[in-house]
């Protein structure tokens, strides 16, 4: 498990794999929701958490469990 830069979200595997798993789990998410400019990953994660109705901690737990 490694930690991504700018956030305390632990990640296992590649972000591409995790992104696909999140899209499968939350069908309302689209590729556009995962786009971000370098250094703005936290903003992307905030967009995702708002769209799926989860808190930051809940989203961190979901990503960690993927």
N, C-alpha and C. Protein backbone atom coordinates (compact mmCIF):
# COMPACT_ATOMS: atom_id res chain seq x y z
N UNK A 1 0.86 -1.17 0.00
CA UNK A 1 0.00 0.00 0.00
C UNK A 1 0.90 1.23 0.00
N UNK A 2 0.55 2.21 -0.82
CA UNK A 2 1.34 3.44 -0.86
C UNK A 2 0.40 4.62 -0.69
N UNK A 3 0.98 5.76 -0.39
CA UNK A 3 0.18 6.96 -0.22
C UNK A 3 0.44 7.88 -1.40
N UNK A 4 -0.64 8.41 -1.97
CA UNK A 4 -0.52 9.33 -3.08
C UNK A 4 -0.10 10.69 -2.56
N UNK A 5 0.43 11.51 -3.46
CA UNK A 5 0.83 12.84 -3.04
C UNK A 5 -0.39 13.72 -2.84
N UNK A 6 -0.30 14.70 -1.97
CA UNK A 6 -1.34 15.68 -1.68
C UNK A 6 -2.56 15.12 -0.95
N UNK A 7 -2.57 13.88 -0.57
CA UNK A 7 -3.74 13.34 0.12
C UNK A 7 -3.33 12.14 0.95
N UNK A 8 -4.16 11.81 1.92
CA UNK A 8 -3.86 10.68 2.79
C UNK A 8 -4.65 9.45 2.37
N UNK A 9 -5.04 9.38 1.10
CA UNK A 9 -5.79 8.22 0.62
C UNK A 9 -4.81 7.11 0.28
N UNK A 10 -4.84 6.00 1.04
CA UNK A 10 -3.94 4.90 0.71
C UNK A 10 -4.40 4.24 -0.58
N UNK A 11 -3.44 3.83 -1.40
CA UNK A 11 -3.80 3.20 -2.67
C UNK A 11 -3.10 1.86 -2.82
N UNK A 12 -3.82 0.92 -3.42
CA UNK A 12 -3.27 -0.39 -3.76
C UNK A 12 -3.42 -0.51 -5.27
N UNK A 13 -2.37 -0.87 -5.96
CA UNK A 13 -2.46 -1.01 -7.40
C UNK A 13 -2.44 0.35 -8.08
N UNK A 14 -2.73 0.33 -9.37
CA UNK A 14 -2.66 1.56 -10.13
C UNK A 14 -3.95 2.37 -9.97
N UNK A 15 -3.82 3.67 -10.17
CA UNK A 15 -4.99 4.53 -10.09
C UNK A 15 -5.99 4.18 -11.19
N UNK A 16 -5.51 3.77 -12.36
CA UNK A 16 -6.41 3.37 -13.45
C UNK A 16 -7.31 2.22 -13.03
N UNK A 17 -6.74 1.23 -12.35
CA UNK A 17 -7.52 0.09 -11.86
C UNK A 17 -8.54 0.54 -10.82
N UNK A 18 -8.10 1.39 -9.89
CA UNK A 18 -8.99 1.87 -8.85
C UNK A 18 -10.12 2.71 -9.43
N UNK A 19 -9.79 3.52 -10.42
CA UNK A 19 -10.80 4.36 -11.07
C UNK A 19 -11.88 3.50 -11.70
N UNK A 20 -11.49 2.44 -12.38
CA UNK A 20 -12.46 1.53 -13.01
C UNK A 20 -13.32 0.83 -11.96
N UNK A 21 -12.71 0.45 -10.84
CA UNK A 21 -13.47 -0.19 -9.77
C UNK A 21 -14.47 0.77 -9.14
N UNK A 22 -14.06 2.03 -8.96
CA UNK A 22 -14.97 3.05 -8.42
C UNK A 22 -16.13 3.29 -9.38
N UNK A 23 -15.84 3.35 -10.69
CA UNK A 23 -16.90 3.56 -11.67
C UNK A 23 -17.87 2.39 -11.68
N UNK A 24 -17.37 1.18 -11.46
CA UNK A 24 -18.24 0.00 -11.42
C UNK A 24 -19.11 0.02 -10.16
N UNK A 25 -18.53 0.47 -9.05
CA UNK A 25 -19.26 0.49 -7.78
C UNK A 25 -20.28 1.63 -7.73
N UNK A 26 -19.92 2.77 -8.31
CA UNK A 26 -20.78 3.95 -8.33
C UNK A 26 -21.02 4.33 -9.79
N UNK A 27 -22.10 3.81 -10.34
CA UNK A 27 -22.35 3.96 -11.78
C UNK A 27 -22.61 5.41 -12.20
N UNK A 28 -22.83 6.30 -11.26
CA UNK A 28 -23.04 7.70 -11.60
C UNK A 28 -21.73 8.41 -11.95
N UNK A 29 -20.59 7.80 -11.63
CA UNK A 29 -19.30 8.40 -11.92
C UNK A 29 -18.93 8.20 -13.39
N UNK A 30 -18.33 9.22 -13.98
CA UNK A 30 -17.90 9.17 -15.37
C UNK A 30 -16.40 9.45 -15.46
N UNK A 31 -15.84 9.27 -16.64
CA UNK A 31 -14.42 9.58 -16.84
C UNK A 31 -14.14 11.05 -16.52
N UNK A 32 -15.09 11.92 -16.84
CA UNK A 32 -14.91 13.35 -16.58
C UNK A 32 -14.74 13.64 -15.09
N UNK A 33 -15.37 12.85 -14.24
CA UNK A 33 -15.24 13.04 -12.79
C UNK A 33 -13.83 12.76 -12.30
N UNK A 34 -13.08 12.00 -13.05
CA UNK A 34 -11.73 11.59 -12.63
C UNK A 34 -10.63 12.44 -13.26
N UNK A 35 -10.99 13.42 -14.06
CA UNK A 35 -9.98 14.26 -14.68
C UNK A 35 -9.49 15.31 -13.68
N UNK A 36 -8.19 15.52 -13.68
CA UNK A 36 -7.62 16.55 -12.81
C UNK A 36 -6.32 17.05 -13.40
N UNK A 37 -5.99 18.27 -13.07
CA UNK A 37 -4.74 18.88 -13.47
C UNK A 37 -3.72 18.54 -12.39
N UNK A 38 -2.49 18.32 -12.79
CA UNK A 38 -1.44 17.97 -11.83
C UNK A 38 -1.48 18.84 -10.58
N UNK A 39 -1.40 18.21 -9.43
CA UNK A 39 -1.43 18.92 -8.17
C UNK A 39 -2.83 19.22 -7.66
N UNK A 40 -3.85 18.83 -8.40
CA UNK A 40 -5.24 19.13 -8.02
C UNK A 40 -6.03 17.85 -7.74
N UNK A 41 -5.35 16.82 -7.31
CA UNK A 41 -6.01 15.55 -7.02
C UNK A 41 -7.05 15.69 -5.91
N UNK A 42 -6.75 16.51 -4.91
CA UNK A 42 -7.70 16.70 -3.81
C UNK A 42 -9.02 17.27 -4.32
N UNK A 43 -8.94 18.19 -5.28
CA UNK A 43 -10.17 18.76 -5.85
C UNK A 43 -10.98 17.68 -6.57
N UNK A 44 -10.30 16.80 -7.28
CA UNK A 44 -10.98 15.70 -7.96
C UNK A 44 -11.65 14.79 -6.94
N UNK A 45 -10.96 14.46 -5.87
CA UNK A 45 -11.53 13.60 -4.84
C UNK A 45 -12.74 14.25 -4.18
N UNK A 46 -12.69 15.56 -4.00
CA UNK A 46 -13.84 16.27 -3.43
C UNK A 46 -15.04 16.19 -4.38
N UNK A 47 -14.80 16.34 -5.67
CA UNK A 47 -15.89 16.21 -6.66
C UNK A 47 -16.52 14.83 -6.58
N UNK A 48 -15.67 13.82 -6.50
CA UNK A 48 -16.17 12.44 -6.44
C UNK A 48 -16.99 12.23 -5.17
N UNK A 49 -16.47 12.66 -4.03
CA UNK A 49 -17.20 12.44 -2.78
C UNK A 49 -18.53 13.17 -2.79
N UNK A 50 -18.61 14.35 -3.35
CA UNK A 50 -19.88 15.06 -3.44
C UNK A 50 -20.85 14.33 -4.35
N UNK A 51 -20.35 13.81 -5.46
CA UNK A 51 -21.22 13.15 -6.42
C UNK A 51 -21.80 11.85 -5.87
N UNK A 52 -21.02 11.12 -5.06
CA UNK A 52 -21.51 9.85 -4.53
C UNK A 52 -22.10 9.99 -3.12
N UNK A 53 -22.05 11.20 -2.57
CA UNK A 53 -22.66 11.45 -1.28
C UNK A 53 -21.93 10.83 -0.11
N UNK A 54 -20.62 10.82 -0.16
CA UNK A 54 -19.81 10.24 0.92
C UNK A 54 -18.92 11.32 1.53
N UNK A 55 -18.54 11.12 2.77
CA UNK A 55 -17.60 12.03 3.41
C UNK A 55 -16.19 11.69 2.92
N UNK A 56 -15.25 12.56 3.23
CA UNK A 56 -13.86 12.33 2.85
C UNK A 56 -13.35 11.03 3.45
N UNK A 57 -13.66 10.80 4.71
CA UNK A 57 -13.21 9.57 5.40
C UNK A 57 -13.84 8.34 4.76
N UNK A 58 -15.13 8.43 4.41
CA UNK A 58 -15.79 7.29 3.76
C UNK A 58 -15.16 6.99 2.41
N UNK A 59 -14.86 8.05 1.64
CA UNK A 59 -14.23 7.84 0.33
C UNK A 59 -12.84 7.24 0.51
N UNK A 60 -12.10 7.71 1.49
CA UNK A 60 -10.78 7.13 1.76
C UNK A 60 -10.87 5.65 2.08
N UNK A 61 -11.87 5.28 2.87
CA UNK A 61 -12.07 3.86 3.22
C UNK A 61 -12.46 3.04 2.01
N UNK A 62 -13.30 3.59 1.15
CA UNK A 62 -13.72 2.89 -0.05
C UNK A 62 -12.52 2.64 -0.96
N UNK A 63 -11.72 3.67 -1.17
CA UNK A 63 -10.55 3.53 -2.04
C UNK A 63 -9.54 2.54 -1.43
N UNK A 64 -9.35 2.62 -0.12
CA UNK A 64 -8.42 1.71 0.54
C UNK A 64 -8.85 0.26 0.42
N UNK A 65 -10.17 0.02 0.34
CA UNK A 65 -10.69 -1.34 0.28
C UNK A 65 -10.68 -1.93 -1.14
N UNK A 66 -10.42 -1.09 -2.15
CA UNK A 66 -10.45 -1.58 -3.54
C UNK A 66 -9.32 -2.55 -3.82
